[in-house]
Amino acid sequence: MAIFERLHQALSARDAKAYVNLLDDDYRFIRHRYGATLNKSEMEALLCSMMDAETFRWPQDARCIYENDEILVEHHVADFADGSTEAVLAVHLIKDGKIIRTETGATTIDA
């Protein structure tokens, strides 16, 4: 099964552990919009927090733009606990079947 499918199954099921199991131990998440970088354990804490929120609705309209053994490019719309909605373009770099780095760009969608 492709990483895209496994990522979004985990998100749809609110299964943070399944998502984190797809991440390499040296994983880095770069959020350009906020100028933040998270490691694997910080990403796990963020995912658990998001998935515990009642307002969590991710992914909406998720689509794989491109995927091979080295890269996954995807687009989706995400609703966050603070009530904001963003269109997100994510690039995941893959090494040995695990995601080693994710970079995102996001645009706020006005309600």
C-alpha atoms as a PDB file:
ATOM      1  CA  MET A   1       0.000   0.000   0.000  1.00  0.00           C
ATOM      2  CA  ALA A   2       1.286   3.465  -0.880  1.00  0.00           C
ATOM      3  CA  ILE A   3       2.366   5.813   1.918  1.00  0.00           C
ATOM      4  CA  PHE A   4      -0.314   8.320   0.826  1.00  0.00           C
ATOM      5  CA  GLU A   5      -3.038   5.748   1.465  1.00  0.00           C
ATOM      6  CA  ARG A   6      -1.578   4.705   4.824  1.00  0.00           C
ATOM      7  CA  LEU A   7      -1.196   8.334   5.972  1.00  0.00           C
ATOM      8  CA  HIS A   8      -4.773   9.184   5.180  1.00  0.00           C
ATOM      9  CA  GLN A   9      -6.156   5.975   6.647  1.00  0.00           C
ATOM     10  CA  ALA A  10      -4.407   6.905   9.902  1.00  0.00           C
ATOM     11  CA  LEU A  11      -5.764  10.460   9.768  1.00  0.00           C
ATOM     12  CA  SER A  12      -9.299   9.335   8.967  1.00  0.00           C
ATOM     13  CA  ALA A  13      -9.171   6.823  11.831  1.00  0.00           C
ATOM     14  CA  ARG A  14      -7.622   9.397  14.205  1.00  0.00           C
ATOM     15  CA  ASP A  15      -4.802   6.899  14.739  1.00  0.00           C
ATOM     16  CA  ALA A  16      -1.744   8.974  15.657  1.00  0.00           C
ATOM     17  CA  LYS A  17       0.338   5.863  16.359  1.00  0.00           C
ATOM     18  CA  ALA A  18      -0.250   4.488  12.831  1.00  0.00           C
ATOM     19  CA  TYR A  19       0.755   7.871  11.385  1.00  0.00           C
ATOM     20  CA  VAL A  20       3.890   8.145  13.527  1.00  0.00           C
ATOM     21  CA  ASN A  21       4.904   4.583  12.552  1.00  0.00           C
ATOM     22  CA  LEU A  22       5.315   5.891   8.987  1.00  0.00           C
ATOM     23  CA  LEU A  23       7.938   8.420  10.124  1.00  0.00           C
ATOM     24  CA  ASP A  24      11.690   7.800  10.178  1.00  0.00           C
ATOM     25  CA  ASP A  25      13.458   8.267  13.530  1.00  0.00           C
ATOM     26  CA  ASP A  26      15.302  11.283  12.040  1.00  0.00           C
ATOM     27  CA  TYR A  27      12.041  12.825  10.775  1.00  0.00           C
ATOM     28  CA  ARG A  28      11.679  16.599  10.450  1.00  0.00           C
ATOM     29  CA  PHE A  29       8.477  18.541   9.759  1.00  0.00           C
ATOM     30  CA  ILE A  30       9.005  22.035   8.360  1.00  0.00           C
ATOM     31  CA  ARG A  31       6.018  24.398   8.486  1.00  0.00           C
ATOM     32  CA  HIS A  32       7.051  27.309   6.320  1.00  0.00           C
ATOM     33  CA  ARG A  33       3.986  29.350   7.176  1.00  0.00           C
ATOM     34  CA  TYR A  34       4.892  29.415  10.854  1.00  0.00           C
ATOM     35  CA  GLY A  35       8.666  29.099  10.552  1.00  0.00           C
ATOM     36  CA  ALA A  36       8.628  26.010  12.755  1.00  0.00           C
ATOM     37  CA  THR A  37      10.476  22.692  12.589  1.00  0.00           C
ATOM     38  CA  LEU A  38       9.303  19.647  14.547  1.00  0.00           C
ATOM     39  CA  ASN A  39      11.084  16.338  15.165  1.00  0.00           C
ATOM     40  CA  LYS A  40       9.318  12.965  15.333  1.00  0.00           C
ATOM     41  CA  SER A  41       8.344  13.163  19.016  1.00  0.00           C
ATOM     42  CA  GLU A  42       7.112  16.751  18.656  1.00  0.00           C
ATOM     43  CA  MET A  43       5.083  15.703  15.601  1.00  0.00           C
ATOM     44  CA  GLU A  44       3.580  12.836  17.591  1.00  0.00           C
ATOM     45  CA  ALA A  45       2.485  15.251  20.343  1.00  0.00           C
ATOM     46  CA  LEU A  46       0.977  17.606  17.745  1.00  0.00           C
ATOM     47  CA  LEU A  47      -0.895  14.762  16.021  1.00  0.00           C
ATOM     48  CA  CYS A  48      -2.278  13.438  19.316  1.00  0.00           C
ATOM     49  CA  SER A  49      -3.465  16.920  20.272  1.00  0.00           C
ATOM     50  CA  MET A  50      -5.105  17.520  16.892  1.00  0.00           C
ATOM     51  CA  MET A  51      -6.771  14.110  16.753  1.00  0.00           C
ATOM     52  CA  ASP A  52      -8.160  14.520  20.273  1.00  0.00           C
ATOM     53  CA  ALA A  53      -9.906  17.772  19.319  1.00  0.00           C
ATOM     54  CA  GLU A  54     -13.623  17.446  18.562  1.00  0.00           C
ATOM     55  CA  THR A  55     -13.245  19.820  15.631  1.00  0.00           C
ATOM     56  CA  PHE A  56     -10.641  17.587  13.965  1.00  0.00           C
ATOM     57  CA  ARG A  57     -11.697  16.958  10.358  1.00  0.00           C
ATOM     58  CA  TRP A  58      -8.725  15.958   8.322  1.00  0.00           C
ATOM     59  CA  PRO A  59      -8.304  15.231   5.508  1.00  0.00           C
ATOM     60  CA  GLN A  60     -10.871  16.863   3.306  1.00  0.00           C
ATOM     61  CA  ASP A  61     -10.507  16.376  -0.412  1.00  0.00           C
ATOM     62  CA  ALA A  62      -7.067  14.776   0.057  1.00  0.00           C
ATOM     63  CA  ARG A  63      -5.408  13.907  -3.200  1.00  0.00           C
ATOM     64  CA  CYS A  64      -2.091  12.473  -4.171  1.00  0.00           C
ATOM     65  CA  ILE A  65      -0.437  14.648  -6.802  1.00  0.00           C
ATOM     66  CA  TYR A  66       2.620  12.410  -7.176  1.00  0.00           C
ATOM     67  CA  GLU A  67       4.198   9.501  -5.302  1.00  0.00           C
ATOM     68  CA  ASN A  68       7.165   7.196  -5.837  1.00  0.00           C
ATOM     69  CA  ASP A  69       9.758   5.550  -3.555  1.00  0.00           C
ATOM     70  CA  GLU A  70      11.459   8.882  -2.835  1.00  0.00           C
ATOM     71  CA  ILE A  71       8.725  11.533  -2.686  1.00  0.00           C
ATOM     72  CA  LEU A  72       5.024  12.083  -2.031  1.00  0.00           C
ATOM     73  CA  VAL A  73       3.332  15.335  -3.023  1.00  0.00           C
ATOM     74  CA  GLU A  74      -0.215  15.814  -1.757  1.00  0.00           C
ATOM     75  CA  HIS A  75      -2.875  18.476  -1.349  1.00  0.00           C
ATOM     76  CA  HIS A  76      -5.683  18.607   1.181  1.00  0.00           C
ATOM     77  CA  VAL A  77      -7.901  20.952   3.158  1.00  0.00           C
ATOM     78  CA  ALA A  78      -7.583  20.868   6.953  1.00  0.00           C
ATOM     79  CA  ASP A  79      -9.824  22.226   9.708  1.00  0.00           C
ATOM     80  CA  PHE A  80      -8.042  23.010  12.975  1.00  0.00           C
ATOM     81  CA  ALA A  81      -9.200  23.237  16.603  1.00  0.00           C
ATOM     82  CA  ASP A  82      -8.956  27.034  16.550  1.00  0.00           C
ATOM     83  CA  GLY A  83     -11.635  27.134  13.841  1.00  0.00           C
ATOM     84  CA  SER A  84      -9.264  27.952  10.985  1.00  0.00           C
ATOM     85  CA  THR A  85      -9.276  26.127   7.663  1.00  0.00           C
ATOM     86  CA  GLU A  86      -6.231  25.817   5.430  1.00  0.00           C
ATOM     87  CA  ALA A  87      -5.479  24.460   1.979  1.00  0.00           C
ATOM     88  CA  VAL A  88      -2.210  22.560   2.419  1.00  0.00           C
ATOM     89  CA  LEU A  89       0.384  21.446  -0.105  1.00  0.00           C
ATOM     90  CA  ALA A  90       2.721  18.890   1.485  1.00  0.00           C
ATOM     91  CA  VAL A  91       5.922  17.358   0.164  1.00  0.00           C
ATOM     92  CA  HIS A  92       7.116  14.231   1.979  1.00  0.00           C
ATOM     93  CA  LEU A  93      10.620  12.915   1.294  1.00  0.00           C
ATOM     94  CA  ILE A  94      10.838   9.142   1.654  1.00  0.00           C
ATOM     95  CA  LYS A  95      13.861   7.037   2.639  1.00  0.00           C
ATOM     96  CA  ASP A  96      13.758   3.260   3.057  1.00  0.00           C
ATOM     97  CA  GLY A  97       9.948   3.251   3.057  1.00  0.00           C
ATOM     98  CA  LYS A  98       9.598   5.876   5.819  1.00  0.00           C
ATOM     99  CA  ILE A  99       8.940   9.606   5.642  1.00  0.00           C
ATOM    100  CA  ILE A 100      12.134  11.416   6.617  1.00  0.00           C
ATOM    101  CA  ARG A 101      11.051  15.016   5.967  1.00  0.00           C
ATOM    102  CA  THR A 102       7.812  16.884   5.367  1.00  0.00           C
ATOM    103  CA  GLU A 103       7.534  20.460   4.167  1.00  0.00           C
ATOM    104  CA  THR A 104       4.211  22.232   3.894  1.00  0.00           C
ATOM    105  CA  GLY A 105       2.826  25.402   2.476  1.00  0.00           C
ATOM    106  CA  ALA A 106      -0.623  26.508   3.572  1.00  0.00           C
ATOM    107  CA  THR A 107      -3.172  29.100   2.572  1.00  0.00           C
ATOM    108  CA  THR A 108      -5.931  30.162   4.959  1.00  0.00           C
ATOM    109  CA  ILE A 109      -9.415  29.701   3.562  1.00  0.00           C
ATOM    110  CA  ASP A 110     -11.905  32.291   4.764  1.00  0.00           C
ATOM    111  CA  ALA A 111     -15.230  30.895   5.866  1.00  0.00           C
END
